[in-house]
Amino acid sequence: MKKFLIVGLGNPGPEYEGTRHNAGFMVLDKLALDASAHFTSCRYGQQTTIHVKNCELILLKPGTFMNLSGLAVKFWMNKEKLPLQNLLIVVDDLALPFGVIRLRKGGSDAGHNGLKNIAAELGNQNYPRLRFGVGNDFPRGGQVDFVLSRFPKEEQTLMPERLEAAAEAVKAFCLSGIDFAMTHYNGK
């Protein structure tokens, strides 16, 4: 059985629930819900395991806050003895319109502090990630307030179908590989 670590980035605590910065948590919540799995407290966050055909997916929501996400990722990668290609980071992205999905094999952190810390802890940026678009409708200097705000009603209405698409992209990544997932889900 192939094993994967799927890490959704976000900030712990009720004050951050439903915020744009917690899009990664939301995608993992959707995967867990669909599998009737429940998150439990673990070292560096909350974790559950689901199975998709011949794949075991360890779902991790770091409890370290966004800027220290790399600590949780590094710990769980070492604990599970997984290669980088079996890691998928699910993260919010300001550069993409709301709900648009983009998978990448690696690349820059694009100014995202969670990705920056993961790269620092892992020693490179060559790890797969799924970016979930949250839009960028904020005034100059308003980025922090924007990502820590909740989605407006019209986007909340569309959220279930966008989370479903992201969850399917995660499954495709595990079952068929990053190239297949990129071809079938990028830009959708």
N, C-alpha and C. Protein backbone atom coordinates (compact mmCIF):
# COMPACT_ATOMS: atom_id res chain seq x y z
N MET A 1 0.84 -1.18 0.00
CA MET A 1 0.00 0.00 0.00
C MET A 1 0.89 1.25 0.00
N LYS A 2 0.60 2.18 -0.90
CA LYS A 2 1.34 3.44 -0.96
C LYS A 2 0.85 4.35 0.15
N LYS A 3 1.80 5.05 0.78
CA LYS A 3 1.47 5.95 1.89
C LYS A 3 1.84 7.38 1.52
N PHE A 4 0.95 8.31 1.88
CA PHE A 4 1.15 9.73 1.59
C PHE A 4 0.87 10.56 2.83
N LEU A 5 1.57 11.67 2.95
CA LEU A 5 1.29 12.65 3.98
C LEU A 5 0.67 13.86 3.28
N ILE A 6 -0.58 14.14 3.62
CA ILE A 6 -1.30 15.27 3.05
C ILE A 6 -1.45 16.30 4.16
N VAL A 7 -0.82 17.45 3.98
CA VAL A 7 -0.80 18.48 5.02
C VAL A 7 -1.59 19.69 4.55
N GLY A 8 -2.63 20.02 5.28
CA GLY A 8 -3.42 21.21 5.00
C GLY A 8 -2.92 22.33 5.89
N LEU A 9 -2.57 23.47 5.30
CA LEU A 9 -2.06 24.57 6.10
C LEU A 9 -3.20 25.46 6.59
N GLY A 10 -3.01 25.98 7.79
CA GLY A 10 -3.99 26.87 8.40
C GLY A 10 -3.50 27.27 9.78
N ASN A 11 -4.34 27.98 10.49
CA ASN A 11 -4.06 28.36 11.86
C ASN A 11 -5.07 27.70 12.78
N PRO A 12 -4.61 27.13 13.90
CA PRO A 12 -5.53 26.48 14.83
C PRO A 12 -6.34 27.50 15.62
N GLY A 13 -7.49 27.07 16.09
CA GLY A 13 -8.30 27.91 16.96
C GLY A 13 -9.57 28.40 16.30
N PRO A 14 -10.62 28.55 17.10
CA PRO A 14 -11.93 28.94 16.56
C PRO A 14 -11.93 30.30 15.88
N GLU A 15 -11.06 31.21 16.30
CA GLU A 15 -11.04 32.54 15.68
C GLU A 15 -10.57 32.50 14.23
N TYR A 16 -9.93 31.40 13.81
CA TYR A 16 -9.43 31.27 12.43
C TYR A 16 -10.30 30.38 11.55
N GLU A 17 -11.28 29.69 12.15
CA GLU A 17 -12.14 28.79 11.37
C GLU A 17 -12.85 29.57 10.27
N GLY A 18 -12.85 29.00 9.08
CA GLY A 18 -13.55 29.60 7.96
C GLY A 18 -12.83 30.77 7.31
N THR A 19 -11.59 31.06 7.73
CA THR A 19 -10.85 32.15 7.09
C THR A 19 -10.15 31.66 5.83
N ARG A 20 -9.81 32.59 4.97
CA ARG A 20 -9.13 32.24 3.72
C ARG A 20 -7.81 31.50 3.98
N HIS A 21 -7.10 31.92 5.01
CA HIS A 21 -5.80 31.31 5.32
C HIS A 21 -5.96 29.84 5.72
N ASN A 22 -7.17 29.43 6.08
CA ASN A 22 -7.40 28.05 6.51
C ASN A 22 -7.99 27.17 5.41
N ALA A 23 -7.84 27.59 4.17
CA ALA A 23 -8.35 26.79 3.05
C ALA A 23 -7.75 25.38 3.06
N GLY A 24 -6.49 25.25 3.44
CA GLY A 24 -5.86 23.92 3.51
C GLY A 24 -6.56 23.03 4.53
N PHE A 25 -6.90 23.57 5.69
CA PHE A 25 -7.64 22.81 6.70
C PHE A 25 -8.99 22.37 6.14
N MET A 26 -9.65 23.27 5.40
CA MET A 26 -10.98 22.98 4.87
C MET A 26 -10.95 21.81 3.88
N VAL A 27 -9.92 21.76 3.04
CA VAL A 27 -9.81 20.66 2.08
C VAL A 27 -9.61 19.33 2.83
N LEU A 28 -8.78 19.33 3.87
CA LEU A 28 -8.58 18.10 4.65
C LEU A 28 -9.84 17.71 5.40
N ASP A 29 -10.58 18.70 5.90
CA ASP A 29 -11.85 18.40 6.57
C ASP A 29 -12.81 17.72 5.60
N LYS A 30 -12.82 18.16 4.35
CA LYS A 30 -13.68 17.55 3.32
C LYS A 30 -13.26 16.09 3.07
N LEU A 31 -11.97 15.85 2.93
CA LEU A 31 -11.48 14.48 2.73
C LEU A 31 -11.87 13.58 3.90
N ALA A 32 -11.70 14.07 5.12
CA ALA A 32 -12.03 13.29 6.31
C ALA A 32 -13.53 13.04 6.40
N LEU A 33 -14.33 14.05 6.12
CA LEU A 33 -15.78 13.91 6.16
C LEU A 33 -16.26 12.85 5.18
N ASP A 34 -15.74 12.90 3.96
CA ASP A 34 -16.13 11.93 2.93
C ASP A 34 -15.78 10.50 3.32
N ALA A 35 -14.75 10.32 4.14
CA ALA A 35 -14.30 8.98 4.57
C ALA A 35 -14.83 8.63 5.97
N SER A 36 -15.68 9.49 6.52
CA SER A 36 -16.20 9.30 7.89
C SER A 36 -15.07 9.16 8.90
N ALA A 37 -14.00 9.90 8.68
CA ALA A 37 -12.85 9.88 9.59
C ALA A 37 -12.90 11.11 10.49
N HIS A 38 -12.28 10.99 11.65
CA HIS A 38 -12.28 12.08 12.62
C HIS A 38 -10.85 12.41 13.03
N PHE A 39 -10.55 13.69 13.10
CA PHE A 39 -9.23 14.13 13.52
C PHE A 39 -9.07 13.98 15.03
N THR A 40 -7.88 13.56 15.44
CA THR A 40 -7.54 13.50 16.85
C THR A 40 -6.24 14.26 17.07
N SER A 41 -6.04 14.72 18.30
CA SER A 41 -4.82 15.45 18.63
C SER A 41 -3.61 14.53 18.50
N CYS A 42 -2.53 15.09 18.00
CA CYS A 42 -1.29 14.34 17.83
C CYS A 42 -0.14 15.31 18.01
N ARG A 43 1.06 14.81 17.91
CA ARG A 43 2.22 15.69 18.00
C ARG A 43 2.16 16.69 16.85
N TYR A 44 2.24 17.94 17.16
CA TYR A 44 2.23 19.04 16.19
C TYR A 44 0.90 19.26 15.49
N GLY A 45 -0.22 18.80 16.04
CA GLY A 45 -1.48 19.16 15.40
C GLY A 45 -2.58 18.15 15.57
N GLN A 46 -3.37 18.00 14.51
CA GLN A 46 -4.47 17.04 14.46
C GLN A 46 -4.27 16.15 13.24
N GLN A 47 -4.57 14.87 13.42
CA GLN A 47 -4.26 13.89 12.37
C GLN A 47 -5.37 12.85 12.30
N THR A 48 -5.58 12.34 11.09
CA THR A 48 -6.42 11.18 10.86
C THR A 48 -5.87 10.46 9.63
N THR A 49 -6.26 9.23 9.46
CA THR A 49 -5.81 8.44 8.30
C THR A 49 -7.03 7.95 7.55
N ILE A 50 -6.98 8.08 6.23
CA ILE A 50 -8.05 7.55 5.38
C ILE A 50 -7.41 6.66 4.32
N HIS A 51 -8.23 5.84 3.68
CA HIS A 51 -7.76 4.97 2.60
C HIS A 51 -8.54 5.28 1.34
N VAL A 52 -7.81 5.39 0.24
CA VAL A 52 -8.39 5.60 -1.08
C VAL A 52 -7.79 4.52 -1.97
N LYS A 53 -8.60 3.52 -2.27
CA LYS A 53 -8.14 2.34 -3.03
C LYS A 53 -6.89 1.77 -2.38
N ASN A 54 -5.75 1.75 -3.10
CA ASN A 54 -4.54 1.13 -2.56
C ASN A 54 -3.62 2.14 -1.88
N CYS A 55 -4.17 3.30 -1.48
CA CYS A 55 -3.36 4.35 -0.86
C CYS A 55 -3.82 4.66 0.56
N GLU A 56 -2.85 4.85 1.42
CA GLU A 56 -3.11 5.33 2.77
C GLU A 56 -2.73 6.80 2.82
N LEU A 57 -3.68 7.65 3.21
CA LEU A 57 -3.45 9.08 3.27
C LEU A 57 -3.47 9.52 4.73
N ILE A 58 -2.33 9.97 5.20
CA ILE A 58 -2.23 10.53 6.54
C ILE A 58 -2.55 12.02 6.39
N LEU A 59 -3.68 12.44 6.95
CA LEU A 59 -4.10 13.83 6.86
C LEU A 59 -3.63 14.56 8.11
N LEU A 60 -2.93 15.66 7.93
CA LEU A 60 -2.38 16.41 9.05
C LEU A 60 -2.74 17.89 8.95
N LYS A 61 -3.31 18.40 10.04
CA LYS A 61 -3.56 19.83 10.17
C LYS A 61 -2.62 20.32 11.28
N PRO A 62 -1.50 20.97 10.90
CA PRO A 62 -0.54 21.41 11.91
C PRO A 62 -1.16 22.35 12.93
N GLY A 63 -0.76 22.18 14.17
CA GLY A 63 -1.22 23.06 15.24
C GLY A 63 -0.18 24.10 15.59
N THR A 64 0.79 24.28 14.73
CA THR A 64 1.95 25.14 15.00
C THR A 64 1.75 26.58 14.54
N PHE A 65 0.59 26.90 14.01
CA PHE A 65 0.34 28.17 13.32
C PHE A 65 1.12 28.16 12.01
N MET A 66 0.59 28.93 11.07
CA MET A 66 1.08 28.92 9.69
C MET A 66 2.59 29.08 9.59
N ASN A 67 3.15 30.05 10.29
CA ASN A 67 4.56 30.40 10.11
C ASN A 67 5.54 29.34 10.59
N LEU A 68 5.05 28.33 11.31
CA LEU A 68 5.92 27.25 11.79
C LEU A 68 5.45 25.89 11.28
N SER A 69 4.73 25.87 10.20
CA SER A 69 4.19 24.61 9.64
C SER A 69 5.27 23.59 9.33
N GLY A 70 6.45 24.05 8.99
CA GLY A 70 7.55 23.15 8.63
C GLY A 70 7.95 22.20 9.74
N LEU A 71 7.78 22.62 10.99
CA LEU A 71 8.12 21.75 12.12
C LEU A 71 7.26 20.49 12.10
N ALA A 72 5.97 20.67 11.88
CA ALA A 72 5.05 19.53 11.83
C ALA A 72 5.34 18.65 10.60
N VAL A 73 5.55 19.30 9.46
CA VAL A 73 5.81 18.55 8.23
C VAL A 73 7.08 17.70 8.37
N LYS A 74 8.15 18.31 8.85
CA LYS A 74 9.41 17.58 9.00
C LYS A 74 9.27 16.42 9.98
N PHE A 75 8.61 16.65 11.12
CA PHE A 75 8.43 15.59 12.11
C PHE A 75 7.68 14.41 11.50
N TRP A 76 6.56 14.67 10.83
CA TRP A 76 5.74 13.57 10.29
C TRP A 76 6.40 12.90 9.08
N MET A 77 7.14 13.65 8.28
CA MET A 77 7.87 13.03 7.16
C MET A 77 8.90 12.04 7.71
N ASN A 78 9.63 12.46 8.75
CA ASN A 78 10.64 11.58 9.37
C ASN A 78 9.98 10.39 10.07
N LYS A 79 8.91 10.66 10.80
CA LYS A 79 8.21 9.59 11.54
C LYS A 79 7.71 8.50 10.58
N GLU A 80 7.15 8.92 9.46
CA GLU A 80 6.58 7.97 8.49
C GLU A 80 7.59 7.51 7.44
N LYS A 81 8.81 8.08 7.48
CA LYS A 81 9.88 7.71 6.54
C LYS A 81 9.42 7.82 5.08
N LEU A 82 8.87 8.97 4.74
CA LEU A 82 8.31 9.17 3.41
C LEU A 82 9.24 10.02 2.54
N PRO A 83 9.32 9.70 1.24
CA PRO A 83 10.06 10.56 0.32
C PRO A 83 9.25 11.82 0.00
N LEU A 84 9.92 12.86 -0.45
CA LEU A 84 9.25 14.13 -0.75
C LEU A 84 8.10 13.98 -1.74
N GLN A 85 8.22 13.06 -2.69
CA GLN A 85 7.16 12.93 -3.69
C GLN A 85 5.88 12.35 -3.10
N ASN A 86 5.92 11.87 -1.84
CA ASN A 86 4.73 11.35 -1.18
C ASN A 86 4.15 12.35 -0.18
N LEU A 87 4.59 13.60 -0.32
CA LEU A 87 4.08 14.70 0.49
C LEU A 87 3.27 15.61 -0.41
N LEU A 88 2.12 16.07 0.09
CA LEU A 88 1.34 17.09 -0.63
C LEU A 88 0.91 18.14 0.38
N ILE A 89 1.31 19.38 0.12
CA ILE A 89 0.92 20.50 0.96
C ILE A 89 -0.27 21.19 0.30
N VAL A 90 -1.35 21.37 1.04
CA VAL A 90 -2.55 22.05 0.55
C VAL A 90 -2.58 23.43 1.20
N VAL A 91 -2.59 24.47 0.36
CA VAL A 91 -2.36 25.82 0.86
C VAL A 91 -3.24 26.83 0.13
N ASP A 92 -3.59 27.91 0.84
CA ASP A 92 -4.32 29.02 0.21
C ASP A 92 -3.38 29.79 -0.71
N ASP A 93 -3.95 30.43 -1.75
CA ASP A 93 -3.13 31.18 -2.70
C ASP A 93 -3.84 32.45 -3.12
N LEU A 94 -3.21 33.59 -2.83
CA LEU A 94 -3.76 34.90 -3.20
C LEU A 94 -3.69 35.17 -4.69
N ALA A 95 -2.76 34.52 -5.38
CA ALA A 95 -2.55 34.80 -6.81
C ALA A 95 -3.59 34.13 -7.70
N LEU A 96 -4.40 33.25 -7.12
CA LEU A 96 -5.42 32.55 -7.90
C LEU A 96 -6.81 33.06 -7.54
N PRO A 97 -7.69 33.15 -8.53
CA PRO A 97 -9.08 33.53 -8.23
C PRO A 97 -9.71 32.51 -7.28
N PHE A 98 -10.74 32.93 -6.57
CA PHE A 98 -11.40 32.06 -5.61
C PHE A 98 -11.73 30.68 -6.21
N GLY A 99 -11.34 29.64 -5.49
CA GLY A 99 -11.72 28.28 -5.83
C GLY A 99 -10.92 27.62 -6.93
N VAL A 100 -10.04 28.35 -7.60
CA VAL A 100 -9.23 27.76 -8.66
C VAL A 100 -8.12 26.92 -8.02
N ILE A 101 -7.88 25.74 -8.58
CA ILE A 101 -6.89 24.80 -8.05
C ILE A 101 -5.67 24.78 -8.97
N ARG A 102 -4.49 24.75 -8.36
CA ARG A 102 -3.27 24.60 -9.14
C ARG A 102 -2.31 23.69 -8.39
N LEU A 103 -2.00 22.56 -8.99
CA LEU A 103 -0.99 21.65 -8.43
C LEU A 103 0.35 21.96 -9.06
N ARG A 104 1.40 21.84 -8.25
CA ARG A 104 2.76 22.05 -8.71
C ARG A 104 3.67 20.99 -8.09
N LYS A 105 4.74 20.64 -8.81
CA LYS A 105 5.72 19.67 -8.31
C LYS A 105 6.64 20.30 -7.28
N GLY A 106 6.78 21.59 -7.32
CA GLY A 106 7.67 22.32 -6.43
C GLY A 106 7.63 23.77 -6.83
N GLY A 107 8.61 24.53 -6.38
CA GLY A 107 8.69 25.92 -6.77
C GLY A 107 8.85 26.84 -5.59
N SER A 108 8.71 28.12 -5.85
CA SER A 108 8.95 29.12 -4.81
C SER A 108 7.80 29.16 -3.82
N ASP A 109 8.04 29.84 -2.70
CA ASP A 109 7.00 29.98 -1.69
C ASP A 109 6.05 31.12 -2.03
N ALA A 110 6.37 31.92 -3.05
CA ALA A 110 5.53 33.03 -3.50
C ALA A 110 5.14 33.95 -2.35
N GLY A 111 6.02 34.09 -1.37
CA GLY A 111 5.75 34.97 -0.24
C GLY A 111 4.88 34.37 0.84
N HIS A 112 4.49 33.11 0.68
CA HIS A 112 3.64 32.45 1.68
C HIS A 112 4.50 31.96 2.84
N ASN A 113 4.25 32.46 4.04
CA ASN A 113 5.11 32.14 5.18
C ASN A 113 5.07 30.67 5.57
N GLY A 114 3.93 30.00 5.38
CA GLY A 114 3.86 28.57 5.67
C GLY A 114 4.77 27.78 4.75
N LEU A 115 4.71 28.07 3.45
CA LEU A 115 5.57 27.38 2.48
C LEU A 115 7.04 27.72 2.71
N LYS A 116 7.30 28.96 3.09
CA LYS A 116 8.67 29.40 3.35
C LYS A 116 9.28 28.59 4.50
N ASN A 117 8.50 28.37 5.57
CA ASN A 117 8.98 27.62 6.72
C ASN A 117 9.15 26.14 6.38
N ILE A 118 8.26 25.59 5.58
CA ILE A 118 8.38 24.18 5.16
C ILE A 118 9.66 23.99 4.36
N ALA A 119 9.92 24.89 3.42
CA ALA A 119 11.15 24.80 2.62
C ALA A 119 12.38 24.90 3.51
N ALA A 120 12.35 25.78 4.50
CA ALA A 120 13.49 25.93 5.41
C ALA A 120 13.72 24.65 6.21
N GLU A 121 12.64 24.05 6.71
CA GLU A 121 12.76 22.83 7.53
C GLU A 121 13.17 21.61 6.69
N LEU A 122 12.65 21.52 5.46
CA LEU A 122 12.95 20.35 4.61
C LEU A 122 14.26 20.54 3.85
N GLY A 123 14.76 21.77 3.77
CA GLY A 123 16.01 22.02 3.08
C GLY A 123 15.88 22.20 1.58
N ASN A 124 14.66 22.23 1.06
CA ASN A 124 14.44 22.52 -0.36
C ASN A 124 12.98 22.83 -0.62
N GLN A 125 12.71 23.26 -1.86
CA GLN A 125 11.35 23.64 -2.25
C GLN A 125 10.73 22.62 -3.21
N ASN A 126 11.37 21.48 -3.38
CA ASN A 126 10.90 20.49 -4.35
C ASN A 126 9.92 19.50 -3.73
N TYR A 127 8.83 20.03 -3.24
CA TYR A 127 7.77 19.17 -2.71
C TYR A 127 6.46 19.58 -3.37
N PRO A 128 5.60 18.61 -3.65
CA PRO A 128 4.33 18.92 -4.31
C PRO A 128 3.41 19.76 -3.43
N ARG A 129 2.65 20.62 -4.10
CA ARG A 129 1.67 21.41 -3.38
C ARG A 129 0.44 21.61 -4.23
N LEU A 130 -0.68 21.74 -3.55
CA LEU A 130 -1.95 22.07 -4.18
C LEU A 130 -2.35 23.44 -3.65
N ARG A 131 -2.41 24.39 -4.55
CA ARG A 131 -2.78 25.76 -4.18
C ARG A 131 -4.28 25.94 -4.43
N PHE A 132 -4.96 26.47 -3.42
CA PHE A 132 -6.40 26.72 -3.50
C PHE A 132 -6.60 28.23 -3.54
N GLY A 133 -7.14 28.72 -4.65
CA GLY A 133 -7.28 30.16 -4.83
C GLY A 133 -8.26 30.80 -3.85
N VAL A 134 -7.81 31.90 -3.25
CA VAL A 134 -8.68 32.65 -2.34
C VAL A 134 -8.91 34.08 -2.84
N GLY A 135 -8.38 34.40 -4.03
CA GLY A 135 -8.56 35.72 -4.60
C GLY A 135 -7.63 36.74 -3.96
N ASN A 136 -7.73 37.97 -4.44
CA ASN A 136 -6.85 39.03 -3.91
C ASN A 136 -7.54 40.39 -3.93
N ASP A 137 -8.77 40.41 -3.52
CA ASP A 137 -9.56 41.64 -3.53
C ASP A 137 -9.33 42.44 -2.24
N PHE A 138 -8.14 42.99 -2.12
CA PHE A 138 -7.80 43.78 -0.93
C PHE A 138 -6.97 44.99 -1.33
N PRO A 139 -7.05 46.06 -0.55
CA PRO A 139 -6.26 47.26 -0.85
C PRO A 139 -4.79 47.05 -0.51
N ARG A 140 -3.95 47.88 -1.06
CA ARG A 140 -2.51 47.81 -0.78
C ARG A 140 -2.29 47.81 0.74
N GLY A 141 -1.48 46.85 1.20
CA GLY A 141 -1.21 46.74 2.63
C GLY A 141 -2.26 45.97 3.40
N GLY A 142 -3.29 45.50 2.73
CA GLY A 142 -4.39 44.81 3.41
C GLY A 142 -4.34 43.30 3.32
N GLN A 143 -3.21 42.75 2.90
CA GLN A 143 -3.09 41.30 2.68
C GLN A 143 -3.37 40.49 3.95
N VAL A 144 -2.79 40.87 5.07
CA VAL A 144 -2.96 40.10 6.30
C VAL A 144 -4.41 40.07 6.73
N ASP A 145 -5.06 41.24 6.73
CA ASP A 145 -6.48 41.29 7.10
C ASP A 145 -7.32 40.45 6.15
N PHE A 146 -6.96 40.48 4.86
CA PHE A 146 -7.73 39.73 3.86
C PHE A 146 -7.64 38.23 4.11
N VAL A 147 -6.44 37.68 4.27
CA VAL A 147 -6.31 36.23 4.43
C VAL A 147 -6.87 35.75 5.77
N LEU A 148 -6.92 36.63 6.75
CA LEU A 148 -7.47 36.25 8.06
C LEU A 148 -8.96 36.56 8.18
N SER A 149 -9.57 36.99 7.06
CA SER A 149 -11.02 37.24 7.07
C SER A 149 -11.75 36.02 6.50
N ARG A 150 -13.03 35.96 6.77
CA ARG A 150 -13.84 34.85 6.29
C ARG A 150 -14.29 35.09 4.85
N PHE A 151 -14.63 34.01 4.18
CA PHE A 151 -15.12 34.12 2.81
C PHE A 151 -16.49 34.81 2.82
N PRO A 152 -16.75 35.69 1.84
CA PRO A 152 -18.08 36.32 1.77
C PRO A 152 -19.15 35.29 1.39
N LYS A 153 -20.40 35.64 1.61
CA LYS A 153 -21.53 34.73 1.40
C LYS A 153 -21.53 34.08 0.01
N GLU A 154 -21.28 34.88 -1.04
CA GLU A 154 -21.35 34.32 -2.40
C GLU A 154 -20.27 33.26 -2.60
N GLU A 155 -19.10 33.42 -1.99
CA GLU A 155 -18.05 32.40 -2.09
C GLU A 155 -18.36 31.21 -1.19
N GLN A 156 -18.95 31.46 -0.03
CA GLN A 156 -19.34 30.36 0.87
C GLN A 156 -20.33 29.43 0.18
N THR A 157 -21.21 30.00 -0.65
CA THR A 157 -22.20 29.21 -1.38
C THR A 157 -21.51 28.26 -2.36
N LEU A 158 -20.41 28.72 -2.97
CA LEU A 158 -19.68 27.91 -3.95
C LEU A 158 -18.65 26.98 -3.30
N MET A 159 -18.37 27.19 -2.01
CA MET A 159 -17.29 26.46 -1.35
C MET A 159 -17.45 24.93 -1.40
N PRO A 160 -18.65 24.36 -1.17
CA PRO A 160 -18.74 22.89 -1.21
C PRO A 160 -18.25 22.27 -2.52
N GLU A 161 -18.61 22.85 -3.67
CA GLU A 161 -18.16 22.28 -4.95
C GLU A 161 -16.66 22.50 -5.16
N ARG A 162 -16.11 23.63 -4.67
CA ARG A 162 -14.68 23.88 -4.82
C ARG A 162 -13.87 22.94 -3.93
N LEU A 163 -14.37 22.70 -2.71
CA LEU A 163 -13.69 21.76 -1.81
C LEU A 163 -13.76 20.34 -2.36
N GLU A 164 -14.87 19.99 -2.98
CA GLU A 164 -15.01 18.67 -3.60
C GLU A 164 -13.97 18.51 -4.71
N ALA A 165 -13.80 19.54 -5.54
CA ALA A 165 -12.82 19.48 -6.63
C ALA A 165 -11.41 19.33 -6.07
N ALA A 166 -11.10 20.08 -5.01
CA ALA A 166 -9.77 20.00 -4.40
C ALA A 166 -9.54 18.62 -3.79
N ALA A 167 -10.55 18.07 -3.14
CA ALA A 167 -10.43 16.73 -2.54
C ALA A 167 -10.20 15.68 -3.63
N GLU A 168 -10.89 15.81 -4.75
CA GLU A 168 -10.69 14.88 -5.86
C GLU A 168 -9.28 15.02 -6.44
N ALA A 169 -8.76 16.25 -6.48
CA ALA A 169 -7.40 16.47 -6.97
C ALA A 169 -6.38 15.80 -6.05
N VAL A 170 -6.61 15.85 -4.74
CA VAL A 170 -5.72 15.18 -3.78
C VAL A 170 -5.73 13.67 -4.04
N LYS A 171 -6.91 13.11 -4.22
CA LYS A 171 -7.02 11.67 -4.48
C LYS A 171 -6.32 11.29 -5.79
N ALA A 172 -6.50 12.13 -6.82
CA ALA A 172 -5.86 11.86 -8.11
C ALA A 172 -4.34 11.90 -7.98
N PHE A 173 -3.83 12.84 -7.19
CA PHE A 173 -2.40 12.93 -6.93
C PHE A 173 -1.89 11.61 -6.33
N CYS A 174 -2.59 11.08 -5.37
CA CYS A 174 -2.16 9.85 -4.70
C CYS A 174 -2.30 8.62 -5.60
N LEU A 175 -3.40 8.53 -6.30
CA LEU A 175 -3.68 7.34 -7.11
C LEU A 175 -2.92 7.32 -8.43
N SER A 176 -2.77 8.49 -9.07
CA SER A 176 -2.24 8.52 -10.44
C SER A 176 -1.00 9.38 -10.63
N GLY A 177 -0.59 10.09 -9.59
CA GLY A 177 0.63 10.90 -9.68
C GLY A 177 0.36 12.36 -9.97
N ILE A 178 1.39 13.16 -9.74
CA ILE A 178 1.28 14.61 -9.87
C ILE A 178 1.01 15.05 -11.31
N ASP A 179 1.63 14.41 -12.29
CA ASP A 179 1.42 14.83 -13.68
C ASP A 179 -0.04 14.65 -14.10
N PHE A 180 -0.62 13.50 -13.76
CA PHE A 180 -2.03 13.25 -14.07
C PHE A 180 -2.91 14.28 -13.37
N ALA A 181 -2.66 14.49 -12.08
CA ALA A 181 -3.48 15.43 -11.31
C ALA A 181 -3.36 16.85 -11.87
N MET A 182 -2.16 17.25 -12.25
CA MET A 182 -1.97 18.59 -12.83
C MET A 182 -2.76 18.74 -14.13
N THR A 183 -2.67 17.72 -14.98
CA THR A 183 -3.37 17.77 -16.27
C THR A 183 -4.89 17.86 -16.09
N HIS A 184 -5.42 17.13 -15.13
CA HIS A 184 -6.87 17.04 -14.97
C HIS A 184 -7.51 18.07 -14.04
N TYR A 185 -6.71 18.71 -13.19
CA TYR A 185 -7.31 19.62 -12.20
C TYR A 185 -6.79 21.05 -12.22
N ASN A 186 -5.63 21.31 -12.80
CA ASN A 186 -5.11 22.68 -12.79
C ASN A 186 -6.02 23.63 -13.53
N GLY A 187 -6.29 24.76 -12.88
CA GLY A 187 -7.11 25.79 -13.51
C GLY A 187 -8.59 25.54 -13.42
N LYS A 188 -8.98 24.44 -12.82
CA LYS A 188 -10.41 24.12 -12.74
C LYS A 188 -11.02 24.71 -11.49
